[in-house]
Amino acid sequence: MGVAEKDRARPRERSRLPEAVPAVAAMLIGLWGITTPSFWRDESVSTLAAAMPIGDLWHLLDSIDRVHALYYLLLRPVAAFSTGELAMRLPSVVATAAAAYGITVLGRRLATPGAGLLAGLLYVALPMVSRYAQEVRSYAIVTAVAVLATWVLVEATRRSGRRWYLAYGACLVLLGWFHVYALLLVLAHVVTVLLCRYRAPSPSRPDVARFAGALAVAVAGIAPLALLAAGQREAQLSWLKPSKLTDVAWFGEEVAGTVGVALLLVALMLLGTFAGGRLTAVALPWALLPFVSMAISIVHPVFNPRYVLFAVPAMALLAGAGLSALRPRALGWIGLVLVAALTVPTHLTIREPDRRPDNLRDMAATLLARQRPGDAVLYVGENRRLFAAVYEDAYRNLRDLTHAPGRRTPRTAAQFTAALEGVERVWLVTGGRKHKSRDFVEDDERYLALMANRDFTLESTEDFGYSWFGLYVRKRR
């Protein structure tokens, strides 16, 4: 390449540098206050699963969480380094930055560089994005893979090369192994391919046969996980309830922080839908997936806002196109600043120490301060230790009455009663009081045996969000 050609290339390269700005912003916002909120029960499961010996992990996956197996394996090198909040949440921060970058690239590819940049920055400003960037669960990574799969599909429809369609099929396999539910994205992609097939000029139409082949690759790659996870569906989703109309407002508040900001976001999305051109064909079916999920959940409960985080990039793309369509152009940037300013109170709130469903850090600190030598612990139900004991110092010196040493199956009621001999105080660790949650029922045989034991009385209880503990003390004779 000659000097003149290099000089001509440089402006183009410089013009793409702003694409990194949303990714950098995502990293900074994701790291802001990342260690302040306590781990909550789902994060406790992820952290302990990633840190346990591999044999124990396989045993765990026999009973729960096969759908999260790949995520737990991904976390293992991190957990080997540290199980603190910063280290364990960092993969989600990086994934959020990757998603922000991908959204910016998609916006440039499908609309204009300005639309892409506005979409990427708007995505970073949304409270739901920030919330799950600081979560030791797979949702941020799933979202990044969903953005990647969409970008690869867009490239495949432009170039029609077999490699791109095979890469797209591989992305879907990866997406499904991180979270089967995210394969709802395929419905949106089918609509996109059909729209592009009938609306695009002949040379740039997607190859439907190769697209179908990519889907076949995805089905083959995901089938083993589907078979393995099918038997655990009840355990994974039994807590979900049928959708109601109020779920629409719930989802809007989750995404935007308040109903007012959600309505502003919807207005920008509508503007972007009519101004977006090719971007609309890609982003609109994708953005509607949460409402498809709600419709399915009326008869088959599967909806929860965090399960459809992977659709939020599409909303940002449409809203970014809407901001870009405002005239004069400065209005687009003013609109972005307005949305960001309106979300600041929610960003501050979600970074408070007790703004997760459980405050396991305070629970552990209180338990550590109040326990005495010789105290024991009973976890209700049998896997409850995974939901609570991420701050392990509080539990290390407590004698476990749930499981006998070296045993993976819990004690029977009779074995538990025998193990109580010589124990003066028992800490009951569980979650979901009956009067607060239908999840907690008095059917754990060890707990029933403890309540029926006339030698013990419940001295006190203390709540830490969903999780709580109680202290049973042997009566003095």
Protein backbone atom coordinates (compact mmCIF):
# COMPACT_ATOMS: atom_id res chain seq x y z
CA MET A 1 0.00 0.00 0.00
CA GLY A 2 1.38 3.44 -0.96
CA VAL A 3 1.59 6.47 1.25
CA ALA A 4 -1.42 8.08 -0.43
CA GLU A 5 -3.49 4.94 0.13
CA LYS A 6 -2.45 4.82 3.79
CA ASP A 7 -3.45 8.44 4.22
CA ARG A 8 -6.84 7.68 2.69
CA ALA A 9 -7.31 4.68 5.02
CA ARG A 10 -6.54 6.56 8.22
CA PRO A 11 -9.70 8.71 8.33
CA ARG A 12 -11.80 5.58 7.90
CA GLU A 13 -9.96 3.87 10.76
CA ARG A 14 -10.29 6.95 12.94
CA SER A 15 -14.00 7.14 12.17
CA ARG A 16 -14.45 3.75 13.82
CA LEU A 17 -12.66 4.62 17.02
CA PRO A 18 -15.86 5.97 18.64
CA GLU A 19 -17.28 2.43 18.47
CA ALA A 20 -15.13 1.63 21.48
CA VAL A 21 -16.63 4.44 23.55
CA PRO A 22 -19.77 2.53 24.65
CA ALA A 23 -17.64 -0.48 25.57
CA VAL A 24 -15.36 1.68 27.72
CA ALA A 25 -18.40 3.34 29.29
CA ALA A 26 -19.88 -0.09 30.01
CA MET A 27 -16.69 -1.16 31.78
CA LEU A 28 -16.58 1.99 33.89
CA ILE A 29 -20.25 1.89 34.85
CA GLY A 30 -20.06 -1.86 35.49
CA LEU A 31 -17.12 -1.43 37.85
CA TRP A 32 -18.77 1.49 39.65
CA GLY A 33 -19.82 0.18 43.07
CA ILE A 34 -19.47 -3.43 41.96
CA THR A 35 -18.45 -4.73 45.41
CA THR A 36 -21.01 -2.74 47.41
CA PRO A 37 -24.13 -4.92 47.02
CA SER A 38 -23.99 -8.26 48.78
CA PHE A 39 -24.00 -11.50 46.85
CA TRP A 40 -27.54 -12.88 46.77
CA ARG A 41 -28.66 -16.51 46.68
CA ASP A 42 -28.31 -17.08 42.90
CA GLU A 43 -24.84 -15.57 42.97
CA SER A 44 -24.00 -17.76 45.95
CA VAL A 45 -24.91 -20.85 43.93
CA SER A 46 -22.78 -19.71 40.97
CA THR A 47 -19.78 -18.91 43.16
CA LEU A 48 -19.88 -22.08 45.22
CA ALA A 49 -20.53 -24.24 42.14
CA ALA A 50 -17.53 -22.70 40.37
CA ALA A 51 -15.28 -23.23 43.39
CA MET A 52 -16.26 -26.78 44.39
CA PRO A 53 -14.26 -29.87 43.32
CA ILE A 54 -15.22 -31.03 39.85
CA GLY A 55 -16.71 -34.28 41.20
CA ASP A 56 -19.00 -32.33 43.51
CA LEU A 57 -20.01 -30.09 40.61
CA TRP A 58 -21.05 -33.08 38.50
CA HIS A 59 -23.03 -34.38 41.45
CA LEU A 60 -24.74 -31.01 41.80
CA LEU A 61 -25.62 -30.96 38.12
CA ASP A 62 -27.27 -34.35 38.54
CA SER A 63 -29.96 -32.66 40.62
CA ILE A 64 -30.08 -28.99 39.56
CA ASP A 65 -28.72 -26.42 37.12
CA ARG A 66 -27.65 -28.52 34.15
CA VAL A 67 -28.70 -25.57 31.99
CA HIS A 68 -25.97 -23.51 33.69
CA ALA A 69 -23.19 -26.10 33.39
CA LEU A 70 -21.20 -24.21 30.75
CA TYR A 71 -21.38 -20.99 32.77
CA TYR A 72 -20.14 -22.71 35.92
CA LEU A 73 -17.24 -24.23 33.99
CA LEU A 74 -16.40 -20.81 32.54
CA LEU A 75 -16.24 -19.36 36.06
CA ARG A 76 -13.89 -22.00 37.44
CA PRO A 77 -10.63 -20.22 36.50
CA VAL A 78 -12.00 -17.02 38.05
CA ALA A 79 -13.02 -18.83 41.25
CA ALA A 80 -9.58 -20.42 41.45
CA PHE A 81 -8.15 -16.90 41.62
CA SER A 82 -10.77 -15.32 43.91
CA THR A 83 -14.37 -15.80 45.01
CA GLY A 84 -14.82 -12.15 45.98
CA GLU A 85 -17.48 -9.89 44.51
CA LEU A 86 -15.11 -8.09 42.11
CA ALA A 87 -13.55 -11.19 40.59
CA MET A 88 -16.76 -13.19 40.27
CA ARG A 89 -18.77 -10.32 38.79
CA LEU A 90 -16.05 -9.18 36.40
CA PRO A 91 -16.95 -11.64 33.58
CA SER A 92 -20.40 -10.08 33.42
CA VAL A 93 -18.90 -6.60 33.22
CA VAL A 94 -16.67 -7.66 30.33
CA ALA A 95 -19.62 -9.33 28.58
CA THR A 96 -21.68 -6.16 28.94
CA ALA A 97 -18.87 -4.14 27.39
CA ALA A 98 -18.70 -6.63 24.51
CA ALA A 99 -22.46 -6.35 23.98
CA ALA A 100 -22.25 -2.54 23.97
CA TYR A 101 -19.51 -2.71 21.34
CA GLY A 102 -21.53 -5.16 19.25
CA ILE A 103 -24.63 -2.95 19.40
CA THR A 104 -22.57 0.01 18.19
CA VAL A 105 -21.20 -2.02 15.28
CA LEU A 106 -24.68 -3.32 14.39
CA GLY A 107 -26.11 0.19 14.45
CA ARG A 108 -23.39 1.41 12.11
CA ARG A 109 -23.82 -1.57 9.80
CA LEU A 110 -27.62 -1.35 9.64
CA ALA A 111 -28.08 2.44 9.83
CA THR A 112 -25.39 5.06 10.43
CA PRO A 113 -22.32 5.45 12.67
CA GLY A 114 -24.23 8.05 14.70
CA ALA A 115 -27.16 5.70 15.25
CA GLY A 116 -24.77 2.95 16.35
CA LEU A 117 -22.95 5.18 18.80
CA LEU A 118 -26.17 6.52 20.30
CA ALA A 119 -27.58 2.99 20.58
CA GLY A 120 -24.46 1.69 22.31
CA LEU A 121 -24.39 4.54 24.82
CA LEU A 122 -28.13 4.29 25.46
CA TYR A 123 -27.74 0.58 26.16
CA VAL A 124 -25.04 1.29 28.73
CA ALA A 125 -27.29 3.89 30.43
CA LEU A 126 -30.16 1.46 31.06
CA PRO A 127 -30.39 0.35 34.72
CA MET A 128 -31.23 -3.26 33.87
CA VAL A 129 -28.04 -3.54 31.86
CA SER A 130 -26.01 -2.10 34.73
CA ARG A 131 -27.75 -4.39 37.24
CA TYR A 132 -26.86 -7.60 35.40
CA ALA A 133 -23.38 -6.39 34.57
CA GLN A 134 -22.85 -6.81 38.33
CA GLU A 135 -24.33 -10.28 38.63
CA VAL A 136 -22.63 -13.66 38.99
CA ARG A 137 -25.08 -15.24 36.59
CA SER A 138 -24.99 -15.86 32.86
CA TYR A 139 -27.44 -13.19 31.66
CA ALA A 140 -24.85 -10.60 30.55
CA ILE A 141 -22.84 -13.28 28.73
CA VAL A 142 -26.01 -14.60 27.07
CA THR A 143 -26.78 -11.07 25.89
CA ALA A 144 -23.29 -10.64 24.42
CA VAL A 145 -23.62 -13.95 22.55
CA ALA A 146 -27.07 -12.91 21.28
CA VAL A 147 -25.57 -9.70 19.89
CA LEU A 148 -22.74 -11.72 18.32
CA ALA A 149 -25.19 -14.18 16.73
CA THR A 150 -27.23 -11.31 15.29
CA TRP A 151 -24.14 -9.61 13.88
CA VAL A 152 -22.98 -12.86 12.26
CA LEU A 153 -26.46 -13.35 10.75
CA VAL A 154 -26.39 -9.81 9.34
CA GLU A 155 -22.99 -10.52 7.78
CA ALA A 156 -24.26 -13.84 6.43
CA THR A 157 -27.22 -12.17 4.73
CA ARG A 158 -24.87 -9.60 3.17
CA ARG A 159 -22.21 -12.03 1.97
CA SER A 160 -24.12 -15.32 1.58
CA GLY A 161 -20.94 -17.27 2.30
CA ARG A 162 -21.29 -20.76 3.74
CA ARG A 163 -18.71 -19.92 6.44
CA TRP A 164 -20.90 -17.16 7.82
CA TYR A 165 -23.94 -19.40 8.10
CA LEU A 166 -21.88 -22.11 9.79
CA ALA A 167 -20.53 -19.48 12.18
CA TYR A 168 -24.09 -18.38 12.86
CA GLY A 169 -25.10 -21.96 13.69
CA ALA A 170 -22.12 -22.21 16.05
CA CYS A 171 -23.20 -18.98 17.78
CA LEU A 172 -26.66 -20.43 18.35
CA VAL A 173 -25.14 -23.55 19.88
CA LEU A 174 -23.09 -21.40 22.24
CA LEU A 175 -26.15 -19.29 23.05
CA GLY A 176 -28.23 -22.36 23.87
CA TRP A 177 -25.56 -23.89 26.08
CA PHE A 178 -25.34 -20.68 28.08
CA HIS A 179 -29.13 -20.36 28.39
CA VAL A 180 -31.62 -22.51 26.50
CA TYR A 181 -34.35 -19.92 26.88
CA ALA A 182 -32.35 -17.38 24.85
CA LEU A 183 -32.96 -19.52 21.75
CA LEU A 184 -36.21 -17.60 21.53
CA LEU A 185 -33.94 -15.30 19.53
CA VAL A 186 -34.24 -17.74 16.62
CA LEU A 187 -37.91 -16.72 16.17
CA ALA A 188 -36.83 -13.12 15.66
CA HIS A 189 -34.10 -14.16 13.26
CA VAL A 190 -36.53 -16.21 11.18
CA VAL A 191 -38.74 -13.12 10.81
CA THR A 192 -35.69 -11.03 9.91
CA VAL A 193 -34.56 -13.48 7.23
CA LEU A 194 -38.06 -13.59 5.71
CA LEU A 195 -38.32 -9.80 5.70
CA CYS A 196 -34.91 -9.44 4.10
CA ARG A 197 -35.72 -12.19 1.61
CA TYR A 198 -38.78 -10.45 0.25
CA ARG A 199 -37.71 -6.82 0.66
CA ALA A 200 -34.03 -6.76 -0.23
CA PRO A 201 -32.69 -6.48 -3.81
CA SER A 202 -31.99 -9.85 -5.39
CA PRO A 203 -28.16 -9.91 -5.07
CA SER A 204 -28.29 -9.22 -1.30
CA ARG A 205 -31.11 -11.55 -0.32
CA PRO A 206 -30.31 -14.10 2.41
CA ASP A 207 -29.79 -17.71 1.43
CA VAL A 208 -32.74 -19.47 3.06
CA ALA A 209 -31.31 -22.93 2.44
CA ARG A 210 -28.07 -22.10 4.20
CA PHE A 211 -29.96 -20.40 7.00
CA ALA A 212 -32.01 -23.57 7.47
CA GLY A 213 -28.76 -25.56 7.49
CA ALA A 214 -27.39 -23.31 10.23
CA LEU A 215 -30.52 -23.95 12.29
CA ALA A 216 -30.03 -27.69 11.78
CA VAL A 217 -26.47 -27.36 13.08
CA ALA A 218 -27.82 -25.51 16.11
CA VAL A 219 -30.45 -28.17 16.81
CA ALA A 220 -27.82 -30.91 16.66
CA GLY A 221 -25.50 -29.00 18.95
CA ILE A 222 -28.14 -28.14 21.54
CA ALA A 223 -30.00 -31.46 21.58
CA PRO A 224 -27.71 -33.06 24.21
CA LEU A 225 -28.31 -30.19 26.62
CA ALA A 226 -32.05 -30.25 25.97
CA LEU A 227 -32.15 -33.95 26.80
CA LEU A 228 -30.04 -33.51 29.93
CA ALA A 229 -32.04 -30.54 31.17
CA ALA A 230 -35.53 -31.81 30.37
CA GLY A 231 -35.80 -33.72 33.64
CA GLN A 232 -34.97 -30.62 35.68
CA ARG A 233 -37.55 -28.29 34.17
CA GLU A 234 -39.82 -28.41 37.22
CA ALA A 235 -36.95 -27.66 39.59
CA GLN A 236 -35.74 -24.75 37.46
CA LEU A 237 -39.05 -23.07 36.58
CA SER A 238 -41.63 -24.18 39.15
CA TRP A 239 -41.40 -20.83 40.96
CA LEU A 240 -42.59 -18.84 37.93
CA LYS A 241 -46.20 -17.67 37.72
CA PRO A 242 -48.50 -17.09 34.72
CA SER A 243 -48.03 -13.70 33.11
CA LYS A 244 -50.39 -10.81 33.77
CA LEU A 245 -50.89 -7.48 32.04
CA THR A 246 -48.95 -5.81 34.85
CA ASP A 247 -45.83 -7.70 33.71
CA VAL A 248 -45.52 -5.19 30.86
CA ALA A 249 -45.05 -2.34 33.36
CA TRP A 250 -42.81 -4.56 35.49
CA PHE A 251 -40.55 -5.24 32.54
CA GLY A 252 -40.48 -1.56 31.58
CA GLU A 253 -39.41 -0.59 35.09
CA GLU A 254 -36.74 -3.29 35.14
CA VAL A 255 -35.26 -2.05 31.86
CA ALA A 256 -35.50 1.71 32.37
CA GLY A 257 -35.77 2.19 36.13
CA THR A 258 -39.11 4.01 36.12
CA VAL A 259 -42.29 3.89 34.05
CA GLY A 260 -41.63 7.45 32.85
CA VAL A 261 -38.22 6.59 31.40
CA ALA A 262 -39.70 3.40 29.94
CA LEU A 263 -42.34 5.45 28.09
CA LEU A 264 -39.65 7.78 26.78
CA LEU A 265 -37.69 4.75 25.60
CA VAL A 266 -40.80 3.38 23.84
CA ALA A 267 -41.33 6.72 22.08
CA LEU A 268 -37.75 6.66 20.82
CA MET A 269 -38.14 3.04 19.71
CA LEU A 270 -41.27 3.92 17.72
CA LEU A 271 -39.44 6.77 16.05
CA GLY A 272 -36.53 4.46 15.30
CA THR A 273 -38.89 1.81 13.89
CA PHE A 274 -40.19 4.19 11.25
CA ALA A 275 -36.79 5.76 10.56
CA GLY A 276 -34.61 2.70 10.87
CA GLY A 277 -34.98 1.04 7.43
CA ARG A 278 -32.92 -2.18 7.40
CA LEU A 279 -32.22 -1.82 11.11
CA THR A 280 -35.95 -2.21 11.79
CA ALA A 281 -36.07 -5.58 10.05
CA VAL A 282 -33.36 -6.86 12.40
CA ALA A 283 -34.18 -5.08 15.66
CA LEU A 284 -37.98 -4.95 15.78
CA PRO A 285 -38.67 -8.73 15.84
CA TRP A 286 -35.85 -9.06 18.39
CA ALA A 287 -37.24 -6.29 20.59
CA LEU A 288 -40.70 -7.90 20.66
CA LEU A 289 -39.43 -11.18 22.14
CA PRO A 290 -40.16 -10.20 25.78
CA PHE A 291 -43.81 -9.78 24.86
CA VAL A 292 -43.78 -13.12 23.04
CA SER A 293 -42.41 -14.59 26.26
CA MET A 294 -45.19 -12.96 28.27
CA ALA A 295 -47.81 -14.35 25.87
CA ILE A 296 -46.37 -17.87 26.20
CA SER A 297 -46.32 -17.47 29.98
CA ILE A 298 -50.06 -16.94 30.18
CA VAL A 299 -50.48 -20.70 29.75
CA HIS A 300 -46.91 -21.96 30.28
CA PRO A 301 -45.03 -19.82 32.83
CA VAL A 302 -41.55 -19.01 31.55
CA PHE A 303 -41.32 -15.21 31.79
CA ASN A 304 -38.99 -13.30 34.03
CA PRO A 305 -37.38 -9.97 33.02
CA ARG A 306 -33.83 -11.24 33.47
CA TYR A 307 -34.51 -14.17 31.14
CA VAL A 308 -35.11 -11.72 28.27
CA LEU A 309 -32.23 -9.34 28.94
CA PHE A 310 -30.86 -10.58 25.60
CA ALA A 311 -33.63 -8.60 23.84
CA VAL A 312 -32.68 -5.25 25.40
CA PRO A 313 -29.92 -4.60 22.78
CA ALA A 314 -32.63 -4.54 20.11
CA MET A 315 -34.54 -1.92 22.07
CA ALA A 316 -31.38 0.15 22.32
CA LEU A 317 -30.82 -0.18 18.57
CA LEU A 318 -34.33 1.09 17.79
CA ALA A 319 -34.10 3.89 20.34
CA GLY A 320 -30.64 4.83 19.04
CA ALA A 321 -32.05 5.06 15.53
CA GLY A 322 -34.83 7.23 16.96
CA LEU A 323 -32.34 9.57 18.62
CA SER A 324 -30.31 9.72 15.41
CA ALA A 325 -33.42 10.71 13.43
CA LEU A 326 -34.06 13.81 15.56
CA ARG A 327 -33.28 17.14 13.93
CA PRO A 328 -31.22 19.12 14.48
CA ARG A 329 -28.75 16.36 15.29
CA ALA A 330 -27.90 17.92 18.63
CA LEU A 331 -31.37 16.88 19.81
CA GLY A 332 -30.29 13.25 19.61
CA TRP A 333 -27.42 13.85 22.02
CA ILE A 334 -29.63 15.97 24.26
CA GLY A 335 -32.12 13.10 24.34
CA LEU A 336 -29.39 10.64 25.29
CA VAL A 337 -28.20 12.91 28.11
CA LEU A 338 -31.81 13.27 29.31
CA VAL A 339 -32.35 9.50 29.46
CA ALA A 340 -29.02 9.02 31.23
CA ALA A 341 -29.81 11.75 33.77
CA LEU A 342 -33.25 10.30 34.51
CA THR A 343 -31.75 6.87 35.22
CA VAL A 344 -29.12 8.12 37.70
CA PRO A 345 -31.36 7.65 40.81
CA THR A 346 -32.01 4.04 39.83
CA HIS A 347 -28.30 3.42 39.22
CA LEU A 348 -27.57 4.74 42.70
CA THR A 349 -30.30 2.60 44.24
CA ILE A 350 -29.19 -0.69 42.70
CA ARG A 351 -25.70 -0.11 44.10
CA GLU A 352 -26.83 0.11 47.72
CA PRO A 353 -25.57 -2.71 49.98
CA ASP A 354 -28.97 -4.35 50.48
CA ARG A 355 -30.46 -3.90 47.02
CA ARG A 356 -30.37 -7.56 46.07
CA PRO A 357 -33.10 -10.08 46.98
CA ASP A 358 -30.88 -11.33 49.81
CA ASN A 359 -28.23 -9.60 51.89
CA LEU A 360 -26.08 -12.65 52.47
CA ARG A 361 -23.11 -10.57 53.60
CA ASP A 362 -25.00 -9.05 56.54
CA MET A 363 -26.55 -12.42 57.28
CA ALA A 364 -23.12 -14.03 57.49
CA ALA A 365 -21.69 -11.20 59.59
CA THR A 366 -24.57 -11.39 62.05
CA LEU A 367 -24.36 -15.16 62.26
CA LEU A 368 -20.59 -15.03 62.81
CA ALA A 369 -20.99 -12.47 65.59
CA ARG A 370 -23.69 -14.43 67.42
CA GLN A 371 -22.47 -18.03 67.11
CA ARG A 372 -20.67 -19.85 69.89
CA PRO A 373 -18.23 -22.76 69.94
CA GLY A 374 -20.12 -26.04 69.52
CA ASP A 375 -23.03 -24.49 67.58
CA ALA A 376 -24.54 -26.49 64.71
CA VAL A 377 -26.40 -25.56 61.54
CA LEU A 378 -29.35 -27.07 59.70
CA TYR A 379 -29.91 -26.03 56.09
CA VAL A 380 -33.53 -26.18 54.91
CA GLY A 381 -33.81 -27.58 52.18
CA GLU A 382 -30.92 -29.84 51.60
CA ASN A 383 -29.21 -27.61 48.98
CA ARG A 384 -29.78 -24.42 50.97
CA ARG A 385 -26.09 -24.19 51.87
CA LEU A 386 -25.43 -23.30 48.23
CA PHE A 387 -27.93 -20.44 48.55
CA ALA A 388 -26.38 -18.92 51.66
CA ALA A 389 -22.80 -19.91 52.39
CA VAL A 390 -20.87 -17.86 49.82
CA TYR A 391 -19.46 -15.89 52.78
CA GLU A 392 -17.99 -19.07 54.17
CA ASP A 393 -16.32 -17.76 57.34
CA ALA A 394 -19.68 -17.68 59.09
CA TYR A 395 -20.36 -21.36 58.37
CA ARG A 396 -16.89 -22.91 58.60
CA ASN A 397 -17.02 -23.60 62.36
CA LEU A 398 -20.65 -24.71 62.50
CA ARG A 399 -21.30 -28.44 62.67
CA ASP A 400 -23.44 -29.41 59.67
CA LEU A 401 -26.48 -31.41 60.79
CA THR A 402 -27.95 -31.59 57.28
CA HIS A 403 -25.34 -33.98 55.91
CA ALA A 404 -23.16 -36.51 57.67
CA PRO A 405 -19.41 -35.97 57.06
CA GLY A 406 -18.45 -37.16 53.58
CA ARG A 407 -22.05 -37.89 52.57
CA ARG A 408 -23.83 -36.18 49.69
CA THR A 409 -27.32 -37.33 50.60
CA PRO A 410 -28.93 -35.59 53.58
CA ARG A 411 -29.56 -37.26 56.90
CA THR A 412 -32.92 -38.81 57.58
CA ALA A 413 -35.05 -37.42 60.38
CA ALA A 414 -33.88 -40.23 62.69
CA GLN A 415 -30.24 -39.65 61.80
CA PHE A 416 -30.69 -35.93 62.37
CA THR A 417 -32.24 -36.49 65.79
CA ALA A 418 -29.34 -38.75 66.75
CA ALA A 419 -26.87 -36.09 65.58
CA LEU A 420 -28.52 -33.57 67.92
CA GLU A 421 -27.11 -35.35 70.95
CA GLY A 422 -24.75 -33.02 72.75
CA VAL A 423 -25.72 -29.99 70.66
CA GLU A 424 -26.99 -27.01 72.64
CA ARG A 425 -27.74 -24.54 69.84
CA VAL A 426 -28.84 -25.05 66.23
CA TRP A 427 -28.88 -22.33 63.60
CA LEU A 428 -31.63 -22.90 61.05
CA VAL A 429 -30.60 -21.36 57.70
CA THR A 430 -33.22 -21.14 54.97
CA GLY A 431 -35.18 -18.81 52.73
CA GLY A 432 -38.75 -17.79 52.04
CA ARG A 433 -40.98 -17.71 55.11
CA LYS A 434 -44.37 -19.29 54.56
CA HIS A 435 -46.15 -15.98 55.06
CA LYS A 436 -43.83 -14.29 52.52
CA SER A 437 -43.26 -16.91 49.84
CA ARG A 438 -44.88 -20.08 48.62
CA ASP A 439 -41.37 -21.48 48.08
CA PHE A 440 -40.94 -22.25 51.76
CA VAL A 441 -43.02 -25.14 53.07
CA GLU A 442 -42.59 -27.16 56.23
CA ASP A 443 -41.90 -30.47 54.52
CA ASP A 444 -38.18 -30.88 55.23
CA GLU A 445 -38.03 -33.96 57.45
CA ARG A 446 -35.06 -32.70 59.44
CA TYR A 447 -36.79 -29.37 60.10
CA LEU A 448 -39.99 -31.15 61.12
CA ALA A 449 -37.96 -33.30 63.50
CA LEU A 450 -36.36 -30.20 65.02
CA MET A 451 -39.73 -28.49 65.51
CA ALA A 452 -41.15 -31.63 67.07
CA ASN A 453 -38.20 -32.04 69.44
CA ARG A 454 -39.40 -30.94 72.89
CA ASP A 455 -35.85 -30.36 74.07
CA PHE A 456 -35.44 -27.36 71.75
CA THR A 457 -37.22 -24.05 71.51
CA LEU A 458 -37.03 -21.32 68.86
CA GLU A 459 -35.31 -18.38 70.55
CA SER A 460 -35.14 -15.86 67.70
CA THR A 461 -35.32 -15.31 63.93
CA GLU A 462 -33.86 -12.63 61.70
CA ASP A 463 -34.60 -11.81 58.05
CA PHE A 464 -32.06 -10.69 55.44
CA GLY A 465 -34.34 -10.26 52.46
CA TYR A 466 -35.57 -13.61 51.18
CA SER A 467 -33.05 -15.55 53.28
CA TRP A 468 -33.25 -15.80 57.06
CA PHE A 469 -32.02 -17.77 60.01
CA GLY A 470 -33.47 -18.91 63.28
CA LEU A 471 -31.79 -20.02 66.49
CA TYR A 472 -33.04 -23.14 68.27
CA VAL A 473 -31.73 -23.55 71.83
CA ARG A 474 -31.87 -26.64 74.03
CA LYS A 475 -34.10 -26.04 77.02
CA ARG A 476 -32.49 -26.01 80.43
CA ARG A 477 -33.63 -28.78 82.72
